[in-house]
Amino acid sequence: DFLGQNLSALSSNKQAALRNKHLGFVYQFHHLLADFTALENVAMPLLIGGIKVTEAKQAAKALLEKVGLSHRMDHRP
């Protein structure tokens, strides 16, 4: 039981949506996408999760500021 839902009763799509929204991802290696800026790389999981572009970019900007990387926002890896 997680958040009042029986996980084994959910379809795999609903399980994936729940993982994306409430748990996130764990990567063994961290790779930034070279075609995207730091801001876009940080916003990507939010966009995949269905957050609107403007909201995702605002949240990504706030996160970059929080970790002291706002000066790298428009840089590519």
N, C-alpha and C. Protein backbone atom coordinates (compact mmCIF):
# COMPACT_ATOMS: atom_id res chain seq x y z
N ASP A 1 0.84 -1.18 0.00
CA ASP A 1 0.00 0.00 0.00
C ASP A 1 0.89 1.24 0.00
N PHE A 2 0.66 2.15 -0.93
CA PHE A 2 1.41 3.40 -1.03
C PHE A 2 0.44 4.50 -1.39
N LEU A 3 0.39 5.54 -0.57
CA LEU A 3 -0.54 6.66 -0.76
C LEU A 3 -1.97 6.16 -0.88
N GLY A 4 -2.29 5.14 -0.10
CA GLY A 4 -3.65 4.62 -0.10
C GLY A 4 -4.00 3.77 -1.30
N GLN A 5 -3.00 3.38 -2.09
CA GLN A 5 -3.28 2.57 -3.28
C GLN A 5 -2.55 1.23 -3.18
N ASN A 6 -3.23 0.18 -3.60
CA ASN A 6 -2.63 -1.13 -3.68
C ASN A 6 -1.81 -1.18 -4.97
N LEU A 7 -0.50 -1.14 -4.85
CA LEU A 7 0.36 -1.05 -6.03
C LEU A 7 0.21 -2.24 -6.97
N SER A 8 0.03 -3.41 -6.41
CA SER A 8 -0.09 -4.59 -7.27
C SER A 8 -1.39 -4.59 -8.07
N ALA A 9 -2.36 -3.79 -7.67
CA ALA A 9 -3.62 -3.71 -8.39
C ALA A 9 -3.59 -2.68 -9.52
N LEU A 10 -2.54 -1.87 -9.58
CA LEU A 10 -2.44 -0.83 -10.60
C LEU A 10 -1.87 -1.39 -11.89
N SER A 11 -2.28 -0.83 -13.02
CA SER A 11 -1.68 -1.19 -14.30
C SER A 11 -0.24 -0.71 -14.32
N SER A 12 0.56 -1.25 -15.22
CA SER A 12 1.97 -0.83 -15.29
C SER A 12 2.08 0.65 -15.66
N ASN A 13 1.16 1.17 -16.47
CA ASN A 13 1.18 2.60 -16.80
C ASN A 13 0.91 3.45 -15.57
N LYS A 14 -0.05 3.03 -14.75
CA LYS A 14 -0.36 3.78 -13.53
C LYS A 14 0.77 3.66 -12.51
N GLN A 15 1.42 2.50 -12.44
CA GLN A 15 2.57 2.34 -11.56
C GLN A 15 3.70 3.27 -12.00
N ALA A 16 3.94 3.34 -13.30
CA ALA A 16 4.99 4.22 -13.83
C ALA A 16 4.68 5.68 -13.53
N ALA A 17 3.43 6.08 -13.70
CA ALA A 17 3.04 7.46 -13.41
C ALA A 17 3.23 7.78 -11.93
N LEU A 18 2.89 6.84 -11.07
CA LEU A 18 3.06 7.04 -9.63
C LEU A 18 4.55 7.16 -9.28
N ARG A 19 5.39 6.30 -9.86
CA ARG A 19 6.83 6.39 -9.62
C ARG A 19 7.37 7.73 -10.08
N ASN A 20 6.95 8.17 -11.25
CA ASN A 20 7.44 9.43 -11.81
C ASN A 20 7.03 10.62 -10.94
N LYS A 21 5.80 10.62 -10.48
CA LYS A 21 5.28 11.76 -9.73
C LYS A 21 5.72 11.79 -8.27
N HIS A 22 5.79 10.62 -7.63
CA HIS A 22 6.01 10.59 -6.18
C HIS A 22 7.37 10.06 -5.75
N LEU A 23 8.05 9.31 -6.60
CA LEU A 23 9.32 8.71 -6.19
C LEU A 23 10.51 9.26 -6.95
N GLY A 24 10.35 9.54 -8.23
CA GLY A 24 11.46 10.03 -9.03
C GLY A 24 12.26 8.89 -9.62
N PHE A 25 13.44 9.24 -10.08
CA PHE A 25 14.31 8.28 -10.75
C PHE A 25 15.63 8.19 -10.00
N VAL A 26 16.23 7.03 -10.03
CA VAL A 26 17.57 6.85 -9.50
C VAL A 26 18.43 6.39 -10.66
N TYR A 27 19.44 7.18 -10.97
CA TYR A 27 20.35 6.85 -12.06
C TYR A 27 21.65 6.33 -11.49
N GLN A 28 22.22 5.30 -12.11
CA GLN A 28 23.52 4.83 -11.68
C GLN A 28 24.60 5.78 -12.19
N PHE A 29 24.38 6.37 -13.33
CA PHE A 29 25.32 7.34 -13.89
C PHE A 29 24.52 8.60 -14.18
N HIS A 30 25.13 9.72 -13.98
CA HIS A 30 24.40 10.95 -14.29
C HIS A 30 24.96 11.48 -15.60
N HIS A 31 24.10 11.62 -16.54
CA HIS A 31 24.48 12.14 -17.84
C HIS A 31 23.56 13.29 -18.20
N LEU A 32 24.15 14.42 -18.50
CA LEU A 32 23.35 15.54 -18.98
C LEU A 32 23.25 15.42 -20.49
N LEU A 33 22.15 15.85 -21.03
CA LEU A 33 21.96 15.81 -22.48
C LEU A 33 22.69 17.00 -23.09
N ALA A 34 23.66 16.72 -23.94
CA ALA A 34 24.55 17.74 -24.49
C ALA A 34 23.82 18.79 -25.33
N ASP A 35 22.69 18.43 -25.91
CA ASP A 35 21.96 19.37 -26.76
C ASP A 35 21.13 20.37 -25.97
N PHE A 36 21.05 20.18 -24.66
CA PHE A 36 20.21 21.03 -23.82
C PHE A 36 21.04 21.83 -22.83
N THR A 37 20.52 22.99 -22.45
CA THR A 37 21.18 23.81 -21.43
C THR A 37 20.97 23.17 -20.06
N ALA A 38 21.68 23.71 -19.07
CA ALA A 38 21.50 23.22 -17.69
C ALA A 38 20.04 23.37 -17.28
N LEU A 39 19.45 24.51 -17.61
CA LEU A 39 18.05 24.75 -17.27
C LEU A 39 17.15 23.68 -17.90
N GLU A 40 17.37 23.40 -19.17
CA GLU A 40 16.54 22.41 -19.87
C GLU A 40 16.76 21.00 -19.32
N ASN A 41 18.01 20.68 -18.98
CA ASN A 41 18.30 19.36 -18.40
C ASN A 41 17.59 19.19 -17.06
N VAL A 42 17.57 20.23 -16.24
CA VAL A 42 16.90 20.14 -14.94
C VAL A 42 15.39 20.09 -15.12
N ALA A 43 14.87 20.80 -16.11
CA ALA A 43 13.43 20.84 -16.35
C ALA A 43 12.90 19.55 -16.98
N MET A 44 13.75 18.78 -17.62
CA MET A 44 13.32 17.61 -18.39
C MET A 44 12.45 16.62 -17.59
N PRO A 45 12.83 16.21 -16.38
CA PRO A 45 11.95 15.28 -15.65
C PRO A 45 10.57 15.86 -15.34
N LEU A 46 10.50 17.17 -15.13
CA LEU A 46 9.21 17.81 -14.89
C LEU A 46 8.35 17.78 -16.15
N LEU A 47 8.98 18.03 -17.29
CA LEU A 47 8.25 18.00 -18.56
C LEU A 47 7.74 16.60 -18.85
N ILE A 48 8.58 15.60 -18.59
CA ILE A 48 8.17 14.21 -18.78
C ILE A 48 7.00 13.89 -17.86
N GLY A 49 6.99 14.50 -16.69
CA GLY A 49 5.91 14.29 -15.73
C GLY A 49 4.64 15.05 -16.04
N GLY A 50 4.63 15.81 -17.13
CA GLY A 50 3.41 16.49 -17.54
C GLY A 50 3.26 17.92 -17.06
N ILE A 51 4.31 18.47 -16.45
CA ILE A 51 4.26 19.86 -16.00
C ILE A 51 4.40 20.77 -17.23
N LYS A 52 3.67 21.87 -17.24
CA LYS A 52 3.74 22.82 -18.36
C LYS A 52 5.15 23.41 -18.46
N VAL A 53 5.56 23.76 -19.68
CA VAL A 53 6.91 24.25 -19.94
C VAL A 53 7.26 25.44 -19.06
N THR A 54 6.39 26.42 -18.97
CA THR A 54 6.71 27.61 -18.17
C THR A 54 6.89 27.26 -16.70
N GLU A 55 6.05 26.39 -16.17
CA GLU A 55 6.17 25.98 -14.77
C GLU A 55 7.44 25.17 -14.55
N ALA A 56 7.75 24.28 -15.48
CA ALA A 56 8.94 23.44 -15.36
C ALA A 56 10.20 24.29 -15.38
N LYS A 57 10.23 25.29 -16.26
CA LYS A 57 11.41 26.16 -16.33
C LYS A 57 11.54 27.02 -15.08
N GLN A 58 10.43 27.48 -14.53
CA GLN A 58 10.49 28.26 -13.28
C GLN A 58 11.01 27.40 -12.14
N ALA A 59 10.54 26.18 -12.04
CA ALA A 59 10.99 25.27 -10.98
C ALA A 59 12.47 24.93 -11.17
N ALA A 60 12.87 24.68 -12.42
CA ALA A 60 14.27 24.35 -12.70
C ALA A 60 15.18 25.53 -12.35
N LYS A 61 14.73 26.73 -12.68
CA LYS A 61 15.51 27.93 -12.35
C LYS A 61 15.68 28.05 -10.84
N ALA A 62 14.61 27.83 -10.10
CA ALA A 62 14.68 27.90 -8.63
C ALA A 62 15.63 26.86 -8.07
N LEU A 63 15.61 25.66 -8.64
CA LEU A 63 16.51 24.60 -8.17
C LEU A 63 17.97 24.95 -8.47
N LEU A 64 18.24 25.46 -9.66
CA LEU A 64 19.61 25.85 -10.00
C LEU A 64 20.09 26.98 -9.09
N GLU A 65 19.22 27.92 -8.79
CA GLU A 65 19.58 29.00 -7.86
C GLU A 65 19.88 28.44 -6.47
N LYS A 66 19.08 27.48 -6.05
CA LYS A 66 19.22 26.90 -4.71
C LYS A 66 20.57 26.20 -4.53
N VAL A 67 21.09 25.61 -5.60
CA VAL A 67 22.38 24.91 -5.50
C VAL A 67 23.54 25.75 -6.02
N GLY A 68 23.30 27.04 -6.23
CA GLY A 68 24.37 27.96 -6.63
C GLY A 68 24.83 27.83 -8.07
N LEU A 69 23.95 27.37 -8.95
CA LEU A 69 24.33 27.20 -10.35
C LEU A 69 23.54 28.09 -11.31
N SER A 70 22.92 29.14 -10.78
CA SER A 70 22.12 30.00 -11.65
C SER A 70 22.96 30.66 -12.74
N HIS A 71 24.24 30.88 -12.45
CA HIS A 71 25.12 31.49 -13.45
C HIS A 71 25.43 30.54 -14.62
N ARG A 72 25.10 29.26 -14.48
CA ARG A 72 25.34 28.26 -15.53
C ARG A 72 24.06 27.87 -16.25
N MET A 73 22.97 28.55 -15.96
CA MET A 73 21.65 28.19 -16.46
C MET A 73 21.58 28.03 -17.98
N ASP A 74 22.25 28.89 -18.70
CA ASP A 74 22.17 28.86 -20.16
C ASP A 74 23.34 28.13 -20.81
N HIS A 75 24.17 27.49 -20.00
CA HIS A 75 25.33 26.76 -20.52
C HIS A 75 24.94 25.33 -20.86
N ARG A 76 25.62 24.80 -21.85
CA ARG A 76 25.46 23.39 -22.21
C ARG A 76 26.59 22.60 -21.56
N PRO A 77 26.35 21.32 -21.26
CA PRO A 77 27.41 20.53 -20.61
C PRO A 77 28.64 20.37 -21.48
